[in-house]
């Protein structure tokens, strides 16, 4: 059974969508404001520490949401629908940045034991979070994105390869280099 609040939010979402689709400028401004409030922190967290693309990506998400408003079915609330678009756009950003990345050829060597930080456990502490962000910020962007995609978003190497257009072996090598680079920076970052 829906609560009165849920029904009111749904009817407010439908009202807003109808008014935006009828080209009401005030409704469009309300739509942008309502969506931007939840998009900026969502996108920023996902791109951390490389936040240079946050503004552009939020604009791209808002445009995609606005263009796709006629397909809004109202199964959930408008905010959740827009965040779903945002999740896909962030993944597209990861794919694009990893696909475009140029990597130096490194000589093949026996894999070393690499410490894999347990991101979820380490993020519990503010000190650890800052140290992780500092280490990630010092990495080349593709390394940081690959680690975030793998560990925060729980993507398998197979998924990453399919989504980025690279081979699984190339993604594994990228992750190995990224982990090694992260490990070195982790030990050099001040607490």
N, C-alpha and C. Protein backbone atom coordinates (compact mmCIF):
# COMPACT_ATOMS: atom_id res chain seq x y z
N UNK A 1 0.84 -1.17 0.00
CA UNK A 1 0.00 0.00 0.00
C UNK A 1 0.89 1.24 0.00
N UNK A 2 0.66 2.16 -0.89
CA UNK A 2 1.45 3.37 -0.99
C UNK A 2 1.06 4.37 0.08
N UNK A 3 2.08 5.04 0.58
CA UNK A 3 1.78 6.08 1.54
C UNK A 3 1.30 7.33 0.80
N UNK A 4 0.71 8.22 1.53
CA UNK A 4 0.23 9.46 0.93
C UNK A 4 1.42 10.25 0.37
N UNK A 5 2.56 10.20 1.07
CA UNK A 5 3.75 10.91 0.62
C UNK A 5 4.22 10.38 -0.74
N UNK A 6 4.24 9.03 -0.89
CA UNK A 6 4.66 8.43 -2.16
C UNK A 6 3.73 8.83 -3.30
N UNK A 7 2.42 8.79 -3.05
CA UNK A 7 1.47 9.17 -4.10
C UNK A 7 1.63 10.63 -4.47
N UNK A 8 1.86 11.49 -3.47
CA UNK A 8 2.04 12.92 -3.73
C UNK A 8 3.31 13.16 -4.54
N UNK A 9 4.41 12.45 -4.19
CA UNK A 9 5.67 12.62 -4.92
C UNK A 9 5.49 12.17 -6.37
N UNK A 10 4.78 11.04 -6.57
CA UNK A 10 4.55 10.55 -7.92
C UNK A 10 3.72 11.54 -8.73
N UNK A 11 2.68 12.08 -8.12
CA UNK A 11 1.85 13.02 -8.86
C UNK A 11 2.62 14.30 -9.14
N UNK A 12 3.49 14.71 -8.22
CA UNK A 12 4.33 15.89 -8.44
C UNK A 12 5.33 15.62 -9.57
N UNK A 13 5.89 14.41 -9.61
CA UNK A 13 6.80 14.04 -10.69
C UNK A 13 6.08 14.09 -12.04
N UNK A 14 4.88 13.51 -12.09
CA UNK A 14 4.11 13.50 -13.35
C UNK A 14 3.74 14.92 -13.78
N UNK A 15 3.35 15.74 -12.80
CA UNK A 15 3.03 17.14 -13.12
C UNK A 15 4.24 17.82 -13.72
N UNK A 16 5.41 17.64 -13.10
CA UNK A 16 6.63 18.28 -13.58
C UNK A 16 6.99 17.78 -14.99
N UNK A 17 6.91 16.49 -15.20
CA UNK A 17 7.23 15.92 -16.52
C UNK A 17 6.28 16.48 -17.58
N UNK A 18 4.98 16.51 -17.28
CA UNK A 18 4.00 17.05 -18.24
C UNK A 18 4.32 18.50 -18.58
N UNK A 19 4.63 19.30 -17.56
CA UNK A 19 4.92 20.72 -17.80
C UNK A 19 6.22 20.92 -18.58
N UNK A 20 7.24 20.12 -18.29
CA UNK A 20 8.49 20.23 -19.05
C UNK A 20 8.24 19.85 -20.51
N UNK A 21 7.49 18.77 -20.72
CA UNK A 21 7.20 18.33 -22.08
C UNK A 21 6.36 19.35 -22.85
N UNK A 22 5.59 20.15 -22.12
CA UNK A 22 4.81 21.21 -22.79
C UNK A 22 5.61 22.50 -22.93
N UNK A 23 6.93 22.39 -22.66
CA UNK A 23 7.89 23.49 -22.86
C UNK A 23 7.69 24.66 -21.90
N UNK A 24 7.25 24.35 -20.69
CA UNK A 24 7.11 25.36 -19.64
C UNK A 24 8.50 25.65 -19.08
N UNK A 25 8.96 26.90 -19.20
CA UNK A 25 10.31 27.27 -18.78
C UNK A 25 10.52 27.14 -17.28
N UNK A 26 9.53 27.53 -16.49
CA UNK A 26 9.65 27.41 -15.04
C UNK A 26 9.76 25.94 -14.63
N UNK A 27 8.99 25.10 -15.26
CA UNK A 27 9.04 23.67 -14.95
C UNK A 27 10.39 23.09 -15.36
N UNK A 28 10.92 23.54 -16.49
CA UNK A 28 12.23 23.07 -16.94
C UNK A 28 13.31 23.48 -15.94
N UNK A 29 13.24 24.72 -15.44
CA UNK A 29 14.20 25.18 -14.44
C UNK A 29 14.05 24.36 -13.15
N UNK A 30 12.82 24.06 -12.77
CA UNK A 30 12.59 23.23 -11.58
C UNK A 30 13.15 21.83 -11.78
N UNK A 31 12.94 21.27 -12.97
CA UNK A 31 13.47 19.95 -13.31
C UNK A 31 14.99 19.93 -13.19
N UNK A 32 15.65 20.92 -13.79
CA UNK A 32 17.11 21.00 -13.75
C UNK A 32 17.59 21.16 -12.31
N UNK A 33 16.96 22.04 -11.56
CA UNK A 33 17.37 22.25 -10.17
C UNK A 33 17.19 21.01 -9.31
N UNK A 34 16.05 20.36 -9.47
CA UNK A 34 15.77 19.16 -8.68
C UNK A 34 16.76 18.05 -9.02
N UNK A 35 17.05 17.90 -10.29
CA UNK A 35 17.97 16.83 -10.71
C UNK A 35 19.42 17.16 -10.33
N UNK A 36 19.82 18.41 -10.52
CA UNK A 36 21.20 18.79 -10.23
C UNK A 36 21.54 18.57 -8.76
N UNK A 37 20.58 18.78 -7.88
CA UNK A 37 20.82 18.60 -6.45
C UNK A 37 21.28 17.19 -6.11
N UNK A 38 20.76 16.20 -6.80
CA UNK A 38 21.19 14.82 -6.52
C UNK A 38 22.31 14.36 -7.45
N UNK A 39 22.44 14.98 -8.62
CA UNK A 39 23.45 14.53 -9.58
C UNK A 39 24.87 14.92 -9.20
N UNK A 40 25.08 16.16 -8.77
CA UNK A 40 26.44 16.61 -8.48
C UNK A 40 27.14 15.71 -7.46
N UNK A 41 26.53 15.45 -6.29
CA UNK A 41 27.25 14.59 -5.34
C UNK A 41 27.42 13.16 -5.86
N UNK A 42 26.43 12.66 -6.58
CA UNK A 42 26.51 11.30 -7.13
C UNK A 42 27.68 11.18 -8.10
N UNK A 43 27.75 12.10 -9.06
CA UNK A 43 28.80 12.06 -10.09
C UNK A 43 30.16 12.35 -9.46
N UNK A 44 30.21 13.32 -8.58
CA UNK A 44 31.49 13.67 -7.93
C UNK A 44 32.07 12.48 -7.18
N UNK A 45 31.24 11.77 -6.42
CA UNK A 45 31.71 10.58 -5.69
C UNK A 45 32.24 9.53 -6.65
N UNK A 46 31.59 9.37 -7.78
CA UNK A 46 32.00 8.33 -8.72
C UNK A 46 33.27 8.69 -9.49
N UNK A 47 33.55 9.97 -9.64
CA UNK A 47 34.74 10.38 -10.39
C UNK A 47 35.91 10.73 -9.48
N UNK A 48 35.70 10.75 -8.19
CA UNK A 48 36.72 11.11 -7.23
C UNK A 48 37.95 10.26 -7.45
N UNK A 49 39.14 10.74 -7.49
CA UNK A 49 39.57 12.10 -7.23
C UNK A 49 39.70 12.95 -8.50
N UNK A 50 39.38 12.38 -9.66
CA UNK A 50 39.51 13.10 -10.93
C UNK A 50 38.19 13.80 -11.23
N UNK A 51 37.96 14.94 -10.63
CA UNK A 51 36.66 15.60 -10.70
C UNK A 51 36.56 16.65 -11.80
N UNK A 52 37.54 16.72 -12.67
CA UNK A 52 37.53 17.74 -13.73
C UNK A 52 36.34 17.57 -14.68
N UNK A 53 35.80 16.38 -14.77
CA UNK A 53 34.73 16.10 -15.72
C UNK A 53 33.33 16.17 -15.10
N UNK A 54 33.24 16.50 -13.82
CA UNK A 54 31.94 16.47 -13.13
C UNK A 54 30.94 17.39 -13.82
N UNK A 55 31.30 18.65 -14.04
CA UNK A 55 30.38 19.62 -14.64
C UNK A 55 29.88 19.13 -16.00
N UNK A 56 30.82 18.72 -16.86
CA UNK A 56 30.44 18.27 -18.20
C UNK A 56 29.54 17.05 -18.15
N UNK A 57 29.87 16.12 -17.27
CA UNK A 57 29.08 14.90 -17.18
C UNK A 57 27.69 15.18 -16.63
N UNK A 58 27.57 16.06 -15.66
CA UNK A 58 26.25 16.42 -15.13
C UNK A 58 25.41 17.07 -16.24
N UNK A 59 26.02 17.95 -17.02
CA UNK A 59 25.30 18.57 -18.13
C UNK A 59 24.84 17.52 -19.15
N UNK A 60 25.71 16.57 -19.44
CA UNK A 60 25.37 15.49 -20.38
C UNK A 60 24.21 14.65 -19.84
N UNK A 61 24.23 14.38 -18.54
CA UNK A 61 23.15 13.60 -17.91
C UNK A 61 21.83 14.37 -17.95
N UNK A 62 21.89 15.65 -17.62
CA UNK A 62 20.68 16.47 -17.65
C UNK A 62 20.09 16.53 -19.05
N UNK A 63 20.94 16.68 -20.05
CA UNK A 63 20.46 16.72 -21.43
C UNK A 63 19.83 15.38 -21.81
N UNK A 64 20.49 14.28 -21.46
CA UNK A 64 19.94 12.95 -21.78
C UNK A 64 18.59 12.74 -21.07
N UNK A 65 18.51 13.15 -19.81
CA UNK A 65 17.24 13.00 -19.07
C UNK A 65 16.14 13.83 -19.73
N UNK A 66 16.46 15.07 -20.07
CA UNK A 66 15.48 15.95 -20.69
C UNK A 66 15.01 15.37 -22.03
N UNK A 67 15.96 14.86 -22.83
CA UNK A 67 15.62 14.29 -24.13
C UNK A 67 14.79 13.01 -24.00
N UNK A 68 14.97 12.29 -22.90
CA UNK A 68 14.27 11.03 -22.71
C UNK A 68 13.03 11.14 -21.84
N UNK A 69 12.66 12.35 -21.46
CA UNK A 69 11.46 12.53 -20.62
C UNK A 69 10.21 11.88 -21.21
N UNK A 70 10.02 11.90 -22.54
CA UNK A 70 8.81 11.24 -23.06
C UNK A 70 8.76 9.74 -22.72
N UNK A 71 9.91 9.13 -22.44
CA UNK A 71 9.91 7.70 -22.11
C UNK A 71 9.80 7.43 -20.61
N UNK A 72 9.72 8.48 -19.80
CA UNK A 72 9.55 8.31 -18.35
C UNK A 72 8.20 7.67 -18.09
N UNK A 73 8.23 6.48 -17.48
CA UNK A 73 7.00 5.72 -17.26
C UNK A 73 6.41 5.94 -15.88
N UNK A 74 7.18 6.49 -14.99
CA UNK A 74 6.68 6.74 -13.64
C UNK A 74 6.65 5.52 -12.76
N UNK A 75 7.40 4.45 -13.13
CA UNK A 75 7.46 3.25 -12.29
C UNK A 75 8.07 3.55 -10.93
N UNK A 76 9.01 4.48 -10.92
CA UNK A 76 9.64 4.94 -9.69
C UNK A 76 9.58 6.44 -9.69
N UNK A 77 10.30 7.05 -8.75
CA UNK A 77 10.26 8.51 -8.76
C UNK A 77 11.24 9.07 -9.78
N UNK A 78 11.06 10.30 -10.12
CA UNK A 78 11.86 10.96 -11.15
C UNK A 78 13.34 10.99 -10.77
N UNK A 79 13.62 11.23 -9.50
CA UNK A 79 15.01 11.29 -9.04
C UNK A 79 15.72 9.96 -9.30
N UNK A 80 15.08 8.85 -8.98
CA UNK A 80 15.67 7.53 -9.20
C UNK A 80 15.88 7.28 -10.69
N UNK A 81 14.96 7.72 -11.50
CA UNK A 81 15.08 7.55 -12.95
C UNK A 81 16.29 8.32 -13.48
N UNK A 82 16.46 9.55 -13.03
CA UNK A 82 17.59 10.36 -13.47
C UNK A 82 18.91 9.78 -12.96
N UNK A 83 18.93 9.26 -11.73
CA UNK A 83 20.15 8.64 -11.21
C UNK A 83 20.49 7.36 -11.98
N UNK A 84 19.50 6.67 -12.50
CA UNK A 84 19.77 5.52 -13.36
C UNK A 84 20.48 5.95 -14.64
N UNK A 85 20.03 7.05 -15.22
CA UNK A 85 20.70 7.60 -16.40
C UNK A 85 22.12 7.99 -16.03
N UNK A 86 22.28 8.61 -14.86
CA UNK A 86 23.61 9.04 -14.40
C UNK A 86 24.55 7.85 -14.25
N UNK A 87 24.05 6.77 -13.68
CA UNK A 87 24.90 5.58 -13.50
C UNK A 87 25.42 5.09 -14.84
N UNK A 88 24.55 5.06 -15.84
CA UNK A 88 24.98 4.61 -17.17
C UNK A 88 25.96 5.59 -17.81
N UNK A 89 25.73 6.88 -17.63
CA UNK A 89 26.62 7.88 -18.21
C UNK A 89 28.01 7.83 -17.55
N UNK A 90 28.05 7.58 -16.24
CA UNK A 90 29.35 7.46 -15.55
C UNK A 90 30.09 6.23 -16.08
N UNK A 91 29.37 5.14 -16.27
CA UNK A 91 30.01 3.95 -16.83
C UNK A 91 30.50 4.21 -18.25
N UNK A 92 29.72 4.95 -19.04
CA UNK A 92 30.17 5.33 -20.38
C UNK A 92 31.45 6.14 -20.29
N UNK A 93 31.51 7.04 -19.31
CA UNK A 93 32.72 7.86 -19.11
C UNK A 93 33.91 6.96 -18.80
N UNK A 94 33.74 6.01 -17.89
CA UNK A 94 34.82 5.07 -17.56
C UNK A 94 35.29 4.34 -18.82
N UNK A 95 34.33 3.79 -19.58
CA UNK A 95 34.67 3.06 -20.79
C UNK A 95 35.48 3.92 -21.75
N UNK A 96 34.99 5.12 -21.98
CA UNK A 96 35.63 6.02 -22.93
C UNK A 96 37.05 6.37 -22.48
N UNK A 97 37.21 6.73 -21.22
CA UNK A 97 38.52 7.16 -20.72
C UNK A 97 39.51 5.99 -20.73
N UNK A 98 39.04 4.79 -20.38
CA UNK A 98 39.93 3.64 -20.39
C UNK A 98 40.25 3.24 -21.82
N UNK A 99 39.28 3.31 -22.72
CA UNK A 99 39.50 2.97 -24.13
C UNK A 99 40.51 3.93 -24.76
N UNK A 100 40.44 5.21 -24.40
CA UNK A 100 41.32 6.22 -24.99
C UNK A 100 42.71 6.23 -24.38
N UNK A 101 42.86 5.61 -23.23
CA UNK A 101 44.14 5.69 -22.52
C UNK A 101 45.24 5.00 -23.32
N UNK A 102 46.36 5.64 -23.35
CA UNK A 102 47.55 5.06 -23.98
C UNK A 102 48.45 4.57 -22.85
N UNK A 103 48.90 3.36 -22.97
CA UNK A 103 49.76 2.80 -21.93
C UNK A 103 51.12 2.49 -22.51
N UNK A 104 52.12 2.77 -21.71
CA UNK A 104 53.47 2.42 -22.13
C UNK A 104 53.59 0.91 -22.07
N UNK A 105 54.30 0.35 -23.04
CA UNK A 105 54.52 -1.09 -23.03
C UNK A 105 55.54 -1.39 -21.94
N UNK A 106 55.18 -2.29 -21.10
CA UNK A 106 56.09 -2.71 -20.05
C UNK A 106 56.54 -4.11 -20.36
N UNK A 107 57.78 -4.39 -19.99
CA UNK A 107 58.27 -5.74 -20.25
C UNK A 107 57.47 -6.72 -19.40
N UNK A 108 57.22 -7.88 -19.98
CA UNK A 108 56.47 -8.89 -19.26
C UNK A 108 57.32 -9.38 -18.10
N UNK A 109 56.73 -9.47 -16.94
CA UNK A 109 57.44 -9.95 -15.77
C UNK A 109 56.50 -10.84 -14.97
N UNK A 110 57.09 -11.62 -14.14
CA UNK A 110 56.28 -12.50 -13.31
C UNK A 110 55.43 -11.63 -12.39
N UNK A 111 54.17 -11.97 -12.25
CA UNK A 111 53.31 -11.16 -11.39
C UNK A 111 53.81 -11.20 -9.94
N UNK A 112 53.79 -10.04 -9.32
CA UNK A 112 54.20 -9.94 -7.92
C UNK A 112 52.95 -10.01 -7.06
N UNK A 113 53.17 -10.35 -5.82
CA UNK A 113 52.06 -10.32 -4.88
C UNK A 113 51.70 -8.85 -4.67
N UNK A 114 50.50 -8.51 -4.99
CA UNK A 114 50.05 -7.13 -4.88
C UNK A 114 49.00 -7.06 -3.79
N UNK A 115 49.16 -6.10 -2.91
CA UNK A 115 48.15 -5.89 -1.88
C UNK A 115 46.96 -5.20 -2.51
N UNK A 116 45.81 -5.77 -2.38
CA UNK A 116 44.60 -5.17 -2.94
C UNK A 116 43.85 -4.49 -1.79
N UNK A 117 43.84 -3.17 -1.79
CA UNK A 117 43.12 -2.50 -0.69
C UNK A 117 41.65 -2.87 -0.70
N UNK A 118 41.13 -3.09 0.43
CA UNK A 118 39.71 -3.38 0.56
C UNK A 118 39.00 -2.05 0.72
N UNK A 119 38.57 -1.50 -0.41
CA UNK A 119 38.07 -0.14 -0.44
C UNK A 119 36.92 0.10 0.54
N UNK A 120 35.96 -0.80 0.57
CA UNK A 120 34.80 -0.57 1.44
C UNK A 120 35.20 -0.47 2.91
N UNK A 121 36.09 -1.36 3.36
CA UNK A 121 36.51 -1.33 4.76
C UNK A 121 37.35 -0.09 5.06
N UNK A 122 38.19 0.30 4.13
CA UNK A 122 39.07 1.43 4.38
C UNK A 122 38.32 2.76 4.32
N UNK A 123 37.23 2.81 3.58
CA UNK A 123 36.47 4.05 3.48
C UNK A 123 35.71 4.37 4.77
N UNK A 124 35.64 3.39 5.68
CA UNK A 124 34.94 3.64 6.94
C UNK A 124 35.63 4.73 7.76
N UNK A 125 36.90 4.85 7.62
CA UNK A 125 37.64 5.84 8.40
C UNK A 125 37.96 7.05 7.53
N UNK A 126 37.80 8.22 8.09
CA UNK A 126 38.07 9.46 7.35
C UNK A 126 39.54 9.54 6.94
N UNK A 127 40.43 9.13 7.80
CA UNK A 127 41.86 9.16 7.50
C UNK A 127 42.17 8.24 6.33
N UNK A 128 41.61 7.06 6.37
CA UNK A 128 41.82 6.12 5.27
C UNK A 128 41.24 6.65 3.97
N UNK A 129 40.05 7.25 4.06
CA UNK A 129 39.42 7.79 2.86
C UNK A 129 40.30 8.85 2.23
N UNK A 130 40.83 9.74 3.05
CA UNK A 130 41.70 10.80 2.52
C UNK A 130 42.96 10.21 1.90
N UNK A 131 43.51 9.20 2.54
CA UNK A 131 44.72 8.56 2.02
C UNK A 131 44.43 7.87 0.67
N UNK A 132 43.28 7.23 0.59
CA UNK A 132 42.90 6.58 -0.67
C UNK A 132 42.74 7.61 -1.77
N UNK A 133 42.03 8.70 -1.46
CA UNK A 133 41.83 9.75 -2.46
C UNK A 133 43.16 10.35 -2.90
N UNK A 134 44.07 10.58 -1.97
CA UNK A 134 45.37 11.14 -2.31
C UNK A 134 46.16 10.17 -3.20
N UNK A 135 46.12 8.89 -2.87
CA UNK A 135 46.83 7.90 -3.69
C UNK A 135 46.20 7.79 -5.08
N UNK A 136 44.88 7.78 -5.14
CA UNK A 136 44.20 7.72 -6.44
C UNK A 136 44.46 8.97 -7.27
N UNK A 137 44.50 10.12 -6.62
CA UNK A 137 44.73 11.39 -7.34
C UNK A 137 46.12 11.42 -7.96
N UNK A 138 47.06 10.72 -7.35
CA UNK A 138 48.43 10.70 -7.87
C UNK A 138 48.61 9.72 -9.02
N UNK A 139 47.62 8.88 -9.26
CA UNK A 139 47.70 7.90 -10.34
C UNK A 139 47.32 8.53 -11.68
N UNK A 140 47.79 7.94 -12.78
CA UNK A 140 47.24 8.35 -14.08
C UNK A 140 45.73 8.07 -14.05
N UNK A 141 44.97 8.90 -14.73
CA UNK A 141 43.51 8.82 -14.66
C UNK A 141 42.98 7.43 -14.99
N UNK A 142 43.50 6.80 -16.02
CA UNK A 142 43.00 5.47 -16.42
C UNK A 142 43.21 4.44 -15.31
N UNK A 143 44.31 4.55 -14.58
CA UNK A 143 44.56 3.62 -13.47
C UNK A 143 43.53 3.83 -12.38
N UNK A 144 43.29 5.07 -12.01
CA UNK A 144 42.32 5.37 -10.97
C UNK A 144 40.93 4.90 -11.34
N UNK A 145 40.53 5.19 -12.58
CA UNK A 145 39.20 4.77 -13.04
C UNK A 145 39.07 3.26 -13.06
N UNK A 146 40.12 2.58 -13.52
CA UNK A 146 40.08 1.12 -13.57
C UNK A 146 39.92 0.53 -12.17
N UNK A 147 40.66 1.07 -11.20
CA UNK A 147 40.54 0.57 -9.82
C UNK A 147 39.16 0.86 -9.24
N UNK A 148 38.65 2.04 -9.49
CA UNK A 148 37.31 2.39 -8.98
C UNK A 148 36.25 1.50 -9.62
N UNK A 149 36.37 1.30 -10.91
CA UNK A 149 35.39 0.48 -11.62
C UNK A 149 35.42 -0.96 -11.09
N UNK A 150 36.64 -1.46 -10.86
CA UNK A 150 36.79 -2.85 -10.42
C UNK A 150 36.34 -3.04 -8.98
N UNK A 151 36.81 -2.19 -8.07
CA UNK A 151 36.60 -2.43 -6.65
C UNK A 151 35.39 -1.72 -6.06
N UNK A 152 35.14 -0.48 -6.43
CA UNK A 152 33.99 0.21 -5.87
C UNK A 152 32.71 -0.24 -6.56
N UNK A 153 32.77 -0.37 -7.90
CA UNK A 153 31.58 -0.74 -8.65
C UNK A 153 31.46 -2.24 -8.87
N UNK A 154 32.45 -3.01 -8.37
CA UNK A 154 32.42 -4.49 -8.41
C UNK A 154 32.28 -5.05 -9.82
N UNK A 155 32.98 -4.48 -10.76
CA UNK A 155 32.96 -4.99 -12.13
C UNK A 155 34.02 -6.07 -12.29
N UNK A 156 33.70 -7.14 -12.98
CA UNK A 156 34.68 -8.19 -13.25
C UNK A 156 35.58 -7.73 -14.40
N UNK A 157 36.73 -8.39 -14.54
CA UNK A 157 37.62 -8.03 -15.65
C UNK A 157 36.94 -8.31 -16.98
N UNK A 158 36.13 -9.35 -17.03
CA UNK A 158 35.40 -9.68 -18.26
C UNK A 158 34.44 -8.53 -18.62
N UNK A 159 33.67 -8.06 -17.63
CA UNK A 159 32.75 -6.94 -17.88
C UNK A 159 33.51 -5.69 -18.32
N UNK A 160 34.61 -5.41 -17.62
CA UNK A 160 35.39 -4.22 -17.96
C UNK A 160 35.91 -4.32 -19.39
N UNK A 161 36.36 -5.51 -19.78
CA UNK A 161 36.88 -5.70 -21.14
C UNK A 161 35.77 -5.50 -22.17
N UNK A 162 34.62 -6.09 -21.92
CA UNK A 162 33.50 -5.95 -22.85
C UNK A 162 33.05 -4.51 -22.98
N UNK A 163 32.96 -3.83 -21.85
CA UNK A 163 32.46 -2.46 -21.85
C UNK A 163 33.46 -1.46 -22.41
N UNK A 164 34.75 -1.75 -22.28
CA UNK A 164 35.76 -0.79 -22.74
C UNK A 164 36.28 -1.13 -24.13
N UNK A 165 35.93 -2.29 -24.67
CA UNK A 165 36.40 -2.67 -26.00
C UNK A 165 37.84 -3.18 -25.99
N UNK A 166 38.33 -3.57 -24.84
CA UNK A 166 39.69 -4.12 -24.73
C UNK A 166 39.57 -5.61 -24.46
N UNK A 167 40.69 -6.30 -24.60
CA UNK A 167 40.70 -7.73 -24.29
C UNK A 167 40.78 -7.89 -22.77
N UNK A 168 40.38 -9.08 -22.30
CA UNK A 168 40.48 -9.34 -20.87
C UNK A 168 41.93 -9.25 -20.41
N UNK A 169 42.82 -9.76 -21.24
CA UNK A 169 44.25 -9.72 -20.89
C UNK A 169 44.73 -8.28 -20.76
N UNK A 170 44.28 -7.40 -21.65
CA UNK A 170 44.68 -5.99 -21.57
C UNK A 170 44.14 -5.35 -20.30
N UNK A 171 42.91 -5.69 -19.92
CA UNK A 171 42.33 -5.14 -18.69
C UNK A 171 43.07 -5.69 -17.48
N UNK A 172 43.42 -6.98 -17.51
CA UNK A 172 44.19 -7.55 -16.40
C UNK A 172 45.54 -6.85 -16.25
N UNK A 173 46.23 -6.59 -17.38
CA UNK A 173 47.51 -5.88 -17.31
C UNK A 173 47.32 -4.47 -16.79
N UNK A 174 46.25 -3.80 -17.25
CA UNK A 174 45.95 -2.46 -16.76
C UNK A 174 45.72 -2.47 -15.26
N UNK A 175 44.93 -3.42 -14.77
CA UNK A 175 44.67 -3.52 -13.34
C UNK A 175 45.94 -3.85 -12.55
N UNK A 176 46.78 -4.73 -13.10
CA UNK A 176 48.05 -5.04 -12.43
C UNK A 176 48.92 -3.81 -12.29
N UNK A 177 49.05 -3.05 -13.38
CA UNK A 177 49.86 -1.82 -13.33
C UNK A 177 49.23 -0.80 -12.38
N UNK A 178 47.91 -0.71 -12.42
CA UNK A 178 47.21 0.24 -11.56
C UNK A 178 47.39 -0.14 -10.08
N UNK A 179 47.27 -1.42 -9.76
CA UNK A 179 47.46 -1.86 -8.38
C UNK A 179 48.88 -1.59 -7.90
N UNK A 180 49.84 -1.89 -8.75
CA UNK A 180 51.24 -1.67 -8.39
C UNK A 180 51.50 -0.19 -8.17
N UNK A 181 51.00 0.63 -9.04
CA UNK A 181 51.16 2.08 -8.91
C UNK A 181 50.46 2.58 -7.66
N UNK A 182 49.26 2.07 -7.40
CA UNK A 182 48.52 2.45 -6.20
C UNK A 182 49.30 2.05 -4.95
N UNK A 183 49.83 0.83 -4.93
CA UNK A 183 50.58 0.33 -3.79
C UNK A 183 51.76 1.25 -3.48
N UNK A 184 52.50 1.64 -4.50
CA UNK A 184 53.65 2.53 -4.30
C UNK A 184 53.20 3.87 -3.73
N UNK A 185 52.13 4.42 -4.28
CA UNK A 185 51.64 5.71 -3.80
C UNK A 185 51.03 5.59 -2.41
N UNK A 186 50.41 4.47 -2.14
CA UNK A 186 49.81 4.24 -0.83
C UNK A 186 50.86 4.36 0.27
N UNK A 187 52.03 3.78 0.02
CA UNK A 187 53.08 3.81 1.04
C UNK A 187 53.76 5.17 1.13
N UNK A 188 53.65 5.98 0.09
CA UNK A 188 54.30 7.30 0.12
C UNK A 188 53.37 8.43 0.59
N UNK A 189 52.07 8.16 0.65
CA UNK A 189 51.11 9.18 1.08
C UNK A 189 51.22 9.35 2.59
N UNK A 190 51.28 10.60 3.02
CA UNK A 190 51.35 10.91 4.46
C UNK A 190 49.98 10.69 5.08
N UNK A 191 49.95 10.23 6.27
CA UNK A 191 48.68 10.02 6.99
C UNK A 191 48.10 11.30 7.42
